[in-house]
């Protein structure tokens, strides 16, 4: 016959108390965790603040909204910048020396939250005085409870019936395009 050590027995009251505490903690986490609606509102606020910081030429705020490993993709093929290079470009160019640095006004935005609620992606339609209508898209990550932009991609919208003409211009050799420019 096998004997159990007296201390090896589990006290049913302690087990019940532990399980009750675990259930209580789980309920509190569910009740007080941000909802999907809360996350989407915070994401919209982050992206809106990103555009506002650019319009106000607030370099520090603009780059604080980006994650440390962020990447900015501009409209030109060469504009594929990790955060430090993009910041250096903006400083060297003097883009944030006076307001506005650049103004892109969001018209609409669709945000999708990951099932784990620690990443999200979005696309937005924007207007700009010089370029007209554009599209921005990006990825955000939740870092220490704060949404940060990990990637932003700015693109021109090209109507389908104009795309062949736009593609023809893009395909022109650089020398031919430079020759066509008035001086």
N, C-alpha and C. Protein backbone atom coordinates (compact mmCIF):
# COMPACT_ATOMS: atom_id res chain seq x y z
N UNK A 1 0.84 -1.15 0.00
CA UNK A 1 0.00 0.00 0.00
C UNK A 1 0.90 1.24 0.00
N UNK A 2 0.52 2.19 -0.81
CA UNK A 2 1.31 3.40 -0.97
C UNK A 2 0.80 4.49 -0.01
N UNK A 3 1.74 5.10 0.68
CA UNK A 3 1.35 6.16 1.62
C UNK A 3 1.78 7.50 1.07
N UNK A 4 0.90 8.47 1.21
CA UNK A 4 1.21 9.85 0.80
C UNK A 4 1.71 10.62 2.01
N UNK A 5 2.63 11.45 1.71
CA UNK A 5 3.13 12.32 2.76
C UNK A 5 2.00 13.25 3.19
N UNK A 6 1.86 13.54 4.49
CA UNK A 6 0.75 14.35 4.97
C UNK A 6 0.71 15.75 4.34
N UNK A 7 1.86 16.32 4.05
CA UNK A 7 1.87 17.65 3.45
C UNK A 7 1.55 17.62 1.97
N UNK A 8 1.58 16.45 1.37
CA UNK A 8 1.32 16.33 -0.05
C UNK A 8 -0.17 16.48 -0.37
N UNK A 9 -1.01 16.31 0.62
CA UNK A 9 -2.44 16.49 0.40
C UNK A 9 -2.75 17.95 0.15
N UNK A 10 -3.65 18.19 -0.76
CA UNK A 10 -4.07 19.54 -1.09
C UNK A 10 -5.30 19.90 -0.28
N UNK A 11 -5.27 21.07 0.26
CA UNK A 11 -6.41 21.56 1.02
C UNK A 11 -7.44 22.10 0.03
N UNK A 12 -8.67 21.53 0.03
CA UNK A 12 -9.68 21.97 -0.93
C UNK A 12 -10.02 23.45 -0.81
N UNK A 13 -9.90 24.01 0.34
CA UNK A 13 -10.22 25.44 0.52
C UNK A 13 -9.16 26.29 -0.18
N UNK A 14 -7.91 25.90 -0.08
CA UNK A 14 -6.84 26.65 -0.74
C UNK A 14 -6.98 26.55 -2.25
N UNK A 15 -7.29 25.37 -2.75
CA UNK A 15 -7.49 25.17 -4.19
C UNK A 15 -8.65 26.02 -4.68
N UNK A 16 -9.76 26.01 -3.97
CA UNK A 16 -10.93 26.80 -4.36
C UNK A 16 -10.61 28.29 -4.33
N UNK A 17 -9.89 28.73 -3.32
CA UNK A 17 -9.52 30.14 -3.22
C UNK A 17 -8.62 30.54 -4.39
N UNK A 18 -7.65 29.70 -4.73
CA UNK A 18 -6.76 29.98 -5.85
C UNK A 18 -7.53 30.06 -7.16
N UNK A 19 -8.41 29.10 -7.41
CA UNK A 19 -9.21 29.13 -8.63
C UNK A 19 -10.13 30.35 -8.67
N UNK A 20 -10.72 30.69 -7.53
CA UNK A 20 -11.58 31.87 -7.47
C UNK A 20 -10.80 33.14 -7.77
N UNK A 21 -9.58 33.25 -7.25
CA UNK A 21 -8.74 34.40 -7.51
C UNK A 21 -8.36 34.47 -8.99
N UNK A 22 -8.03 33.33 -9.58
CA UNK A 22 -7.68 33.29 -11.00
C UNK A 22 -8.85 33.75 -11.86
N UNK A 23 -10.05 33.28 -11.54
CA UNK A 23 -11.24 33.69 -12.29
C UNK A 23 -11.48 35.19 -12.12
N UNK A 24 -11.32 35.71 -10.91
CA UNK A 24 -11.49 37.14 -10.65
C UNK A 24 -10.50 37.97 -11.46
N UNK A 25 -9.25 37.57 -11.48
CA UNK A 25 -8.24 38.29 -12.25
C UNK A 25 -8.60 38.26 -13.73
N UNK A 26 -9.01 37.12 -14.25
CA UNK A 26 -9.39 36.99 -15.65
C UNK A 26 -10.55 37.92 -15.97
N UNK A 27 -11.56 37.99 -15.12
CA UNK A 27 -12.72 38.87 -15.33
C UNK A 27 -12.28 40.33 -15.32
N UNK A 28 -11.42 40.70 -14.37
CA UNK A 28 -10.94 42.09 -14.30
C UNK A 28 -10.15 42.48 -15.54
N UNK A 29 -9.34 41.56 -16.03
CA UNK A 29 -8.58 41.83 -17.26
C UNK A 29 -9.53 42.08 -18.42
N UNK A 30 -10.55 41.26 -18.55
CA UNK A 30 -11.52 41.43 -19.63
C UNK A 30 -12.29 42.74 -19.47
N UNK A 31 -12.71 43.04 -18.26
CA UNK A 31 -13.50 44.25 -18.03
C UNK A 31 -12.72 45.53 -18.25
N UNK A 32 -11.44 45.54 -17.88
CA UNK A 32 -10.68 46.78 -17.91
C UNK A 32 -9.70 46.87 -19.08
N UNK A 33 -9.58 45.83 -19.87
CA UNK A 33 -8.73 45.90 -21.05
C UNK A 33 -9.39 46.81 -22.08
N UNK A 34 -8.59 47.59 -22.81
CA UNK A 34 -9.18 48.45 -23.83
C UNK A 34 -9.97 47.63 -24.86
N UNK A 35 -11.10 48.15 -25.25
CA UNK A 35 -11.92 47.48 -26.26
C UNK A 35 -11.33 47.75 -27.64
N UNK A 36 -11.82 47.06 -28.64
CA UNK A 36 -11.39 47.31 -30.01
C UNK A 36 -11.67 48.75 -30.39
N UNK A 37 -12.82 49.25 -29.97
CA UNK A 37 -13.20 50.64 -30.25
C UNK A 37 -12.18 51.61 -29.62
N UNK A 38 -11.74 51.32 -28.39
CA UNK A 38 -10.75 52.16 -27.71
C UNK A 38 -9.42 52.16 -28.47
N UNK A 39 -9.00 50.97 -28.92
CA UNK A 39 -7.74 50.87 -29.68
C UNK A 39 -7.84 51.65 -30.98
N UNK A 40 -8.93 51.48 -31.71
CA UNK A 40 -9.09 52.17 -32.99
C UNK A 40 -9.09 53.68 -32.78
N UNK A 41 -9.75 54.15 -31.73
CA UNK A 41 -9.75 55.59 -31.42
C UNK A 41 -8.32 56.08 -31.13
N UNK A 42 -7.55 55.30 -30.38
CA UNK A 42 -6.17 55.68 -30.06
C UNK A 42 -5.29 55.67 -31.32
N UNK A 43 -5.53 54.71 -32.20
CA UNK A 43 -4.78 54.64 -33.46
C UNK A 43 -5.10 55.84 -34.33
N UNK A 44 -6.38 56.18 -34.45
CA UNK A 44 -6.77 57.36 -35.22
C UNK A 44 -6.15 58.62 -34.65
N UNK A 45 -6.11 58.71 -33.34
CA UNK A 45 -5.51 59.87 -32.69
C UNK A 45 -4.01 59.94 -33.01
N UNK A 46 -3.32 58.81 -33.00
CA UNK A 46 -1.89 58.78 -33.31
C UNK A 46 -1.63 59.23 -34.74
N UNK A 47 -2.38 58.70 -35.70
CA UNK A 47 -2.17 59.06 -37.10
C UNK A 47 -2.56 60.52 -37.34
N UNK A 48 -3.65 60.98 -36.73
CA UNK A 48 -4.03 62.39 -36.86
C UNK A 48 -2.95 63.30 -36.29
N UNK A 49 -2.38 62.90 -35.15
CA UNK A 49 -1.32 63.70 -34.53
C UNK A 49 -0.06 63.71 -35.39
N UNK A 50 0.21 62.63 -36.09
CA UNK A 50 1.34 62.53 -37.03
C UNK A 50 1.19 63.60 -38.11
N UNK A 51 -0.01 63.69 -38.70
CA UNK A 51 -0.26 64.70 -39.74
C UNK A 51 -0.23 66.11 -39.15
N UNK A 52 -0.78 66.27 -37.95
CA UNK A 52 -0.80 67.59 -37.30
C UNK A 52 0.63 68.05 -36.97
N UNK A 53 1.46 67.15 -36.49
CA UNK A 53 2.85 67.50 -36.16
C UNK A 53 3.59 67.96 -37.41
N UNK A 54 3.35 67.32 -38.55
CA UNK A 54 3.97 67.75 -39.80
C UNK A 54 3.47 69.14 -40.19
N UNK A 55 2.17 69.35 -40.11
CA UNK A 55 1.60 70.64 -40.49
C UNK A 55 2.13 71.76 -39.59
N UNK A 56 2.41 71.45 -38.33
CA UNK A 56 2.90 72.45 -37.38
C UNK A 56 4.44 72.50 -37.32
N UNK A 57 5.08 71.72 -38.17
CA UNK A 57 6.55 71.65 -38.22
C UNK A 57 7.14 71.28 -36.86
N UNK A 58 6.49 70.35 -36.17
CA UNK A 58 6.96 69.88 -34.87
C UNK A 58 7.76 68.59 -35.07
N UNK A 59 9.04 68.76 -35.37
CA UNK A 59 9.93 67.65 -35.69
C UNK A 59 9.98 66.61 -34.59
N UNK A 60 10.13 67.05 -33.35
CA UNK A 60 10.25 66.10 -32.23
C UNK A 60 8.99 65.27 -32.08
N UNK A 61 7.84 65.92 -32.09
CA UNK A 61 6.57 65.20 -31.94
C UNK A 61 6.37 64.24 -33.10
N UNK A 62 6.65 64.69 -34.31
CA UNK A 62 6.48 63.88 -35.52
C UNK A 62 7.26 62.57 -35.41
N UNK A 63 8.52 62.68 -35.03
CA UNK A 63 9.35 61.48 -34.97
C UNK A 63 9.13 60.67 -33.70
N UNK A 64 8.61 61.28 -32.65
CA UNK A 64 8.24 60.52 -31.45
C UNK A 64 7.07 59.57 -31.72
N UNK A 65 6.27 59.90 -32.71
CA UNK A 65 5.11 59.05 -33.04
C UNK A 65 5.50 57.82 -33.84
N UNK A 66 6.75 57.77 -34.28
CA UNK A 66 7.26 56.62 -35.03
C UNK A 66 7.96 55.66 -34.08
N UNK A 67 7.82 54.36 -34.34
CA UNK A 67 8.58 53.37 -33.57
C UNK A 67 10.06 53.53 -33.90
N UNK A 68 10.92 53.02 -33.04
CA UNK A 68 12.37 53.15 -33.28
C UNK A 68 12.81 52.51 -34.58
N UNK A 69 12.12 51.43 -34.98
CA UNK A 69 12.50 50.74 -36.22
C UNK A 69 11.56 51.09 -37.38
N UNK A 70 10.93 52.25 -37.32
CA UNK A 70 9.96 52.66 -38.34
C UNK A 70 10.62 52.85 -39.70
N UNK A 71 9.78 52.74 -40.72
CA UNK A 71 10.21 52.97 -42.09
C UNK A 71 9.18 53.87 -42.76
N UNK A 72 9.66 54.90 -43.47
CA UNK A 72 8.79 55.81 -44.21
C UNK A 72 9.01 55.58 -45.70
N UNK A 73 7.93 55.33 -46.42
CA UNK A 73 7.98 55.12 -47.86
C UNK A 73 7.29 56.30 -48.53
N UNK A 74 8.07 57.10 -49.24
CA UNK A 74 7.52 58.27 -49.92
C UNK A 74 7.04 57.94 -51.32
N UNK A 75 6.69 58.97 -52.05
CA UNK A 75 6.12 58.77 -53.39
C UNK A 75 7.17 58.44 -54.44
N UNK A 76 8.42 58.80 -54.23
CA UNK A 76 9.48 58.50 -55.18
C UNK A 76 10.08 57.14 -54.86
N UNK A 77 10.50 56.43 -55.88
CA UNK A 77 11.07 55.10 -55.70
C UNK A 77 12.26 55.12 -54.73
N UNK A 78 13.01 56.21 -54.70
CA UNK A 78 14.19 56.30 -53.84
C UNK A 78 13.83 56.59 -52.38
N UNK A 79 12.60 56.95 -52.10
CA UNK A 79 12.21 57.36 -50.76
C UNK A 79 11.75 56.16 -49.92
N UNK A 80 12.74 55.46 -49.43
CA UNK A 80 12.50 54.29 -48.57
C UNK A 80 13.45 54.40 -47.38
N UNK A 81 12.96 55.11 -46.35
CA UNK A 81 13.84 55.51 -45.28
C UNK A 81 13.56 54.83 -43.95
N UNK A 82 14.57 54.26 -43.32
CA UNK A 82 14.45 53.93 -41.90
C UNK A 82 14.36 55.25 -41.12
N UNK A 83 13.81 55.20 -39.94
CA UNK A 83 13.55 56.41 -39.15
C UNK A 83 14.76 57.34 -39.05
N UNK A 84 15.96 56.85 -38.69
CA UNK A 84 17.09 57.79 -38.56
C UNK A 84 17.44 58.50 -39.87
N UNK A 85 17.36 57.79 -40.99
CA UNK A 85 17.67 58.40 -42.28
C UNK A 85 16.59 59.39 -42.68
N UNK A 86 15.33 59.08 -42.40
CA UNK A 86 14.24 59.99 -42.72
C UNK A 86 14.36 61.27 -41.89
N UNK A 87 14.69 61.11 -40.63
CA UNK A 87 14.87 62.29 -39.77
C UNK A 87 16.01 63.16 -40.30
N UNK A 88 17.13 62.54 -40.65
CA UNK A 88 18.28 63.29 -41.19
C UNK A 88 17.89 64.02 -42.48
N UNK A 89 17.13 63.35 -43.34
CA UNK A 89 16.65 63.97 -44.58
C UNK A 89 15.82 65.21 -44.27
N UNK A 90 14.90 65.07 -43.32
CA UNK A 90 14.03 66.20 -42.97
C UNK A 90 14.82 67.35 -42.37
N UNK A 91 15.80 67.05 -41.53
CA UNK A 91 16.62 68.09 -40.92
C UNK A 91 17.50 68.75 -41.97
N UNK A 92 18.18 67.95 -42.80
CA UNK A 92 19.08 68.50 -43.83
C UNK A 92 18.31 69.37 -44.82
N UNK A 93 17.11 68.96 -45.15
CA UNK A 93 16.29 69.69 -46.11
C UNK A 93 15.64 70.92 -45.47
N UNK A 94 15.62 70.96 -44.15
CA UNK A 94 14.97 72.07 -43.45
C UNK A 94 13.46 71.99 -43.51
N UNK A 95 12.95 70.77 -43.70
CA UNK A 95 11.50 70.59 -43.89
C UNK A 95 10.69 71.03 -42.68
N UNK A 96 11.28 70.98 -41.50
CA UNK A 96 10.54 71.34 -40.29
C UNK A 96 11.00 72.67 -39.70
N UNK A 97 11.70 73.48 -40.50
CA UNK A 97 12.19 74.75 -39.99
C UNK A 97 11.08 75.75 -39.70
N UNK A 98 10.02 75.70 -40.49
CA UNK A 98 8.88 76.57 -40.23
C UNK A 98 7.60 75.88 -40.67
N UNK A 99 6.52 76.25 -40.00
CA UNK A 99 5.22 75.65 -40.31
C UNK A 99 4.65 76.30 -41.56
N UNK A 100 3.95 75.55 -42.36
CA UNK A 100 3.81 74.10 -42.24
C UNK A 100 4.98 73.39 -42.92
N UNK A 101 5.36 72.25 -42.37
CA UNK A 101 6.37 71.42 -43.03
C UNK A 101 5.73 70.83 -44.28
N UNK A 102 4.69 70.08 -44.09
CA UNK A 102 3.83 69.64 -45.19
C UNK A 102 2.47 69.30 -44.61
N UNK A 103 1.44 69.55 -45.39
CA UNK A 103 0.07 69.38 -44.91
C UNK A 103 -0.65 68.33 -45.75
N UNK A 104 -0.99 67.25 -45.11
CA UNK A 104 -1.83 66.22 -45.71
C UNK A 104 -3.04 66.09 -44.80
N UNK A 105 -4.21 66.33 -45.35
CA UNK A 105 -5.44 66.33 -44.57
C UNK A 105 -6.19 65.03 -44.80
N UNK A 106 -6.38 64.23 -43.76
CA UNK A 106 -7.13 62.98 -43.91
C UNK A 106 -8.60 63.25 -44.22
N UNK A 107 -9.11 62.51 -45.20
CA UNK A 107 -10.55 62.57 -45.53
C UNK A 107 -11.28 61.36 -44.98
N UNK A 108 -10.62 60.22 -45.05
CA UNK A 108 -11.23 58.98 -44.55
C UNK A 108 -10.11 58.02 -44.19
N UNK A 109 -10.44 57.10 -43.29
CA UNK A 109 -9.43 56.13 -42.86
C UNK A 109 -10.13 54.84 -42.44
N UNK A 110 -9.53 53.71 -42.79
CA UNK A 110 -10.00 52.40 -42.35
C UNK A 110 -8.88 51.76 -41.54
N UNK A 111 -9.20 51.34 -40.32
CA UNK A 111 -8.22 50.74 -39.42
C UNK A 111 -8.61 49.29 -39.17
N UNK A 112 -7.64 48.39 -39.23
CA UNK A 112 -7.85 46.99 -38.91
C UNK A 112 -6.91 46.63 -37.77
N UNK A 113 -7.48 46.07 -36.73
CA UNK A 113 -6.72 45.69 -35.54
C UNK A 113 -6.41 44.20 -35.60
N UNK A 114 -5.19 43.82 -35.25
CA UNK A 114 -4.84 42.40 -35.23
C UNK A 114 -5.63 41.70 -34.13
N UNK A 115 -5.83 40.38 -34.26
CA UNK A 115 -6.56 39.65 -33.21
C UNK A 115 -5.92 39.77 -31.82
N UNK A 116 -4.61 39.95 -31.78
CA UNK A 116 -3.92 40.07 -30.49
C UNK A 116 -3.92 41.52 -29.97
N UNK A 117 -4.42 42.43 -30.76
CA UNK A 117 -4.54 43.85 -30.40
C UNK A 117 -3.21 44.51 -30.05
N UNK A 118 -2.14 44.04 -30.67
CA UNK A 118 -0.84 44.68 -30.46
C UNK A 118 -0.25 45.21 -31.75
N UNK A 119 -1.00 45.10 -32.84
CA UNK A 119 -0.59 45.64 -34.13
C UNK A 119 -1.86 46.01 -34.90
N UNK A 120 -1.71 46.95 -35.81
CA UNK A 120 -2.85 47.38 -36.62
C UNK A 120 -2.32 47.91 -37.94
N UNK A 121 -3.18 47.92 -38.92
CA UNK A 121 -2.83 48.49 -40.21
C UNK A 121 -3.98 49.37 -40.66
N UNK A 122 -3.67 50.33 -41.53
CA UNK A 122 -4.69 51.28 -41.95
C UNK A 122 -4.40 51.74 -43.36
N UNK A 123 -5.44 52.28 -43.98
CA UNK A 123 -5.27 53.03 -45.21
C UNK A 123 -6.15 54.26 -45.09
N UNK A 124 -5.70 55.34 -45.70
CA UNK A 124 -6.44 56.60 -45.59
C UNK A 124 -6.34 57.37 -46.90
N UNK A 125 -7.39 58.12 -47.19
CA UNK A 125 -7.38 59.04 -48.31
C UNK A 125 -7.07 60.42 -47.75
N UNK A 126 -6.17 61.12 -48.44
CA UNK A 126 -5.67 62.41 -47.99
C UNK A 126 -5.82 63.44 -49.10
N UNK A 127 -5.81 64.71 -48.71
CA UNK A 127 -5.70 65.79 -49.69
C UNK A 127 -4.49 66.63 -49.34
N UNK A 128 -3.91 67.22 -50.39
CA UNK A 128 -2.76 68.08 -50.26
C UNK A 128 -2.91 69.19 -51.29
N UNK A 129 -2.58 70.40 -50.91
CA UNK A 129 -2.77 71.55 -51.82
C UNK A 129 -2.01 71.37 -53.13
N UNK A 130 -0.79 70.87 -53.06
CA UNK A 130 0.03 70.73 -54.27
C UNK A 130 -0.31 69.48 -55.08
N UNK A 131 -0.53 68.35 -54.40
CA UNK A 131 -0.68 67.08 -55.08
C UNK A 131 -2.12 66.60 -55.23
N UNK A 132 -3.06 67.24 -54.60
CA UNK A 132 -4.45 66.80 -54.69
C UNK A 132 -4.72 65.62 -53.77
N UNK A 133 -5.35 64.60 -54.35
CA UNK A 133 -5.73 63.43 -53.55
C UNK A 133 -4.60 62.39 -53.56
N UNK A 134 -4.34 61.84 -52.38
CA UNK A 134 -3.31 60.82 -52.21
C UNK A 134 -3.85 59.73 -51.30
N UNK A 135 -3.06 58.68 -51.16
CA UNK A 135 -3.40 57.63 -50.21
C UNK A 135 -2.20 57.39 -49.30
N UNK A 136 -2.49 57.26 -48.03
CA UNK A 136 -1.48 56.86 -47.07
C UNK A 136 -1.89 55.51 -46.51
N UNK A 137 -0.93 54.69 -46.21
CA UNK A 137 -1.21 53.43 -45.54
C UNK A 137 -0.08 53.16 -44.58
N UNK A 138 -0.37 52.33 -43.59
CA UNK A 138 0.68 52.08 -42.63
C UNK A 138 0.37 50.98 -41.65
N UNK A 139 1.34 50.77 -40.79
CA UNK A 139 1.27 49.75 -39.75
C UNK A 139 1.62 50.43 -38.44
N UNK A 140 0.88 50.10 -37.40
CA UNK A 140 1.18 50.59 -36.05
C UNK A 140 1.41 49.40 -35.14
N UNK A 141 2.25 49.62 -34.14
CA UNK A 141 2.50 48.59 -33.12
C UNK A 141 2.27 49.21 -31.75
N UNK A 142 1.79 48.39 -30.84
CA UNK A 142 1.55 48.84 -29.47
C UNK A 142 2.82 48.61 -28.66
N UNK A 143 3.46 49.70 -28.25
CA UNK A 143 4.71 49.63 -27.48
C UNK A 143 4.47 50.23 -26.10
N UNK A 144 4.52 49.40 -25.08
CA UNK A 144 4.34 49.86 -23.70
C UNK A 144 3.05 50.65 -23.54
N UNK A 145 1.98 50.16 -24.19
CA UNK A 145 0.67 50.77 -24.07
C UNK A 145 0.44 51.99 -24.95
N UNK A 146 1.40 52.31 -25.83
CA UNK A 146 1.29 53.47 -26.71
C UNK A 146 1.39 53.01 -28.17
N UNK A 147 0.48 53.48 -29.01
CA UNK A 147 0.52 53.13 -30.43
C UNK A 147 1.59 53.96 -31.13
N UNK A 148 2.48 53.27 -31.87
CA UNK A 148 3.54 53.91 -32.63
C UNK A 148 3.44 53.48 -34.09
N UNK A 149 3.73 54.39 -34.99
CA UNK A 149 3.71 54.10 -36.42
C UNK A 149 5.00 53.37 -36.78
N UNK A 150 4.88 52.15 -37.27
CA UNK A 150 6.05 51.34 -37.65
C UNK A 150 6.35 51.47 -39.14
N UNK A 151 5.34 51.80 -39.92
CA UNK A 151 5.55 52.02 -41.35
C UNK A 151 4.48 52.98 -41.85
N UNK A 152 4.91 53.92 -42.69
CA UNK A 152 3.97 54.81 -43.36
C UNK A 152 4.34 54.84 -44.82
N UNK A 153 3.34 54.74 -45.68
CA UNK A 153 3.54 54.69 -47.12
C UNK A 153 2.61 55.72 -47.77
N UNK A 154 3.19 56.68 -48.46
CA UNK A 154 2.42 57.73 -49.14
C UNK A 154 2.45 57.47 -50.64
N UNK A 155 1.29 57.45 -51.28
CA UNK A 155 1.22 57.17 -52.71
C UNK A 155 0.27 58.14 -53.41
N UNK A 156 0.57 58.38 -54.68
CA UNK A 156 -0.33 59.16 -55.52
C UNK A 156 -1.44 58.25 -56.00
N UNK A 157 -2.63 58.81 -56.11
CA UNK A 157 -3.75 58.05 -56.69
C UNK A 157 -3.78 58.35 -58.18
N UNK A 158 -3.78 57.31 -58.98
CA UNK A 158 -3.80 57.47 -60.43
C UNK A 158 -5.08 56.83 -60.95
N UNK A 159 -5.97 57.64 -61.55
CA UNK A 159 -7.19 57.05 -62.12
C UNK A 159 -6.82 56.02 -63.18
N UNK A 160 -7.57 54.93 -63.24
CA UNK A 160 -7.26 53.86 -64.19
C UNK A 160 -7.19 54.35 -65.62
N UNK A 161 -8.06 55.28 -66.00
CA UNK A 161 -8.05 55.76 -67.38
C UNK A 161 -6.85 56.65 -67.69
N UNK A 162 -6.09 57.04 -66.68
CA UNK A 162 -4.88 57.86 -66.87
C UNK A 162 -3.61 57.04 -66.63
N UNK A 163 -3.74 55.81 -66.20
CA UNK A 163 -2.57 55.04 -65.79
C UNK A 163 -1.59 54.77 -66.94
N UNK A 164 -2.07 54.53 -68.15
CA UNK A 164 -1.16 54.26 -69.27
C UNK A 164 -0.26 55.47 -69.52
N UNK A 165 -0.83 56.67 -69.47
CA UNK A 165 -0.04 57.89 -69.69
C UNK A 165 0.96 58.09 -68.56
N UNK A 166 0.57 57.82 -67.33
CA UNK A 166 1.47 57.97 -66.19
C UNK A 166 2.61 56.96 -66.30
N UNK A 167 2.30 55.73 -66.63
CA UNK A 167 3.32 54.69 -66.78
C UNK A 167 4.29 55.07 -67.90
N UNK A 168 3.79 55.63 -68.98
CA UNK A 168 4.67 56.04 -70.07
C UNK A 168 5.66 57.11 -69.59
N UNK A 169 5.21 58.05 -68.80
CA UNK A 169 6.10 59.09 -68.26
C UNK A 169 7.14 58.46 -67.33
N UNK A 170 6.71 57.54 -66.50
CA UNK A 170 7.63 56.89 -65.56
C UNK A 170 8.69 56.08 -66.30
N UNK A 171 8.30 55.47 -67.39
CA UNK A 171 9.23 54.62 -68.15
C UNK A 171 10.22 55.42 -68.99
N UNK A 172 9.97 56.71 -69.21
CA UNK A 172 10.89 57.52 -70.00
C UNK A 172 12.27 57.50 -69.36
N UNK A 173 13.31 57.42 -70.18
CA UNK A 173 14.65 57.53 -69.61
C UNK A 173 14.80 58.90 -68.94
N UNK A 174 15.60 58.96 -67.90
CA UNK A 174 15.78 60.21 -67.15
C UNK A 174 16.26 61.34 -68.04
N UNK A 175 17.16 61.04 -69.00
CA UNK A 175 17.67 62.09 -69.88
C UNK A 175 16.56 62.70 -70.71
N UNK A 176 15.66 61.88 -71.26
CA UNK A 176 14.58 62.39 -72.09
C UNK A 176 13.64 63.25 -71.25
N UNK A 177 13.37 62.83 -70.04
CA UNK A 177 12.48 63.61 -69.17
C UNK A 177 13.12 64.95 -68.83
N UNK A 178 14.45 64.98 -68.60
CA UNK A 178 15.12 66.24 -68.28
C UNK A 178 15.12 67.19 -69.47
N UNK A 179 15.23 66.67 -70.70
CA UNK A 179 15.23 67.50 -71.88
C UNK A 179 13.88 68.18 -72.12
N UNK A 180 12.82 67.52 -71.68
CA UNK A 180 11.47 68.07 -71.90
C UNK A 180 11.12 69.16 -70.90
N UNK A 181 11.90 69.32 -69.86
CA UNK A 181 11.58 70.30 -68.83
C UNK A 181 11.96 71.71 -69.30
N UNK A 182 11.02 72.67 -69.18
CA UNK A 182 11.36 74.06 -69.55
C UNK A 182 12.36 74.63 -68.55
N UNK A 183 13.18 75.54 -69.03
CA UNK A 183 14.18 76.14 -68.14
C UNK A 183 13.71 77.45 -67.61
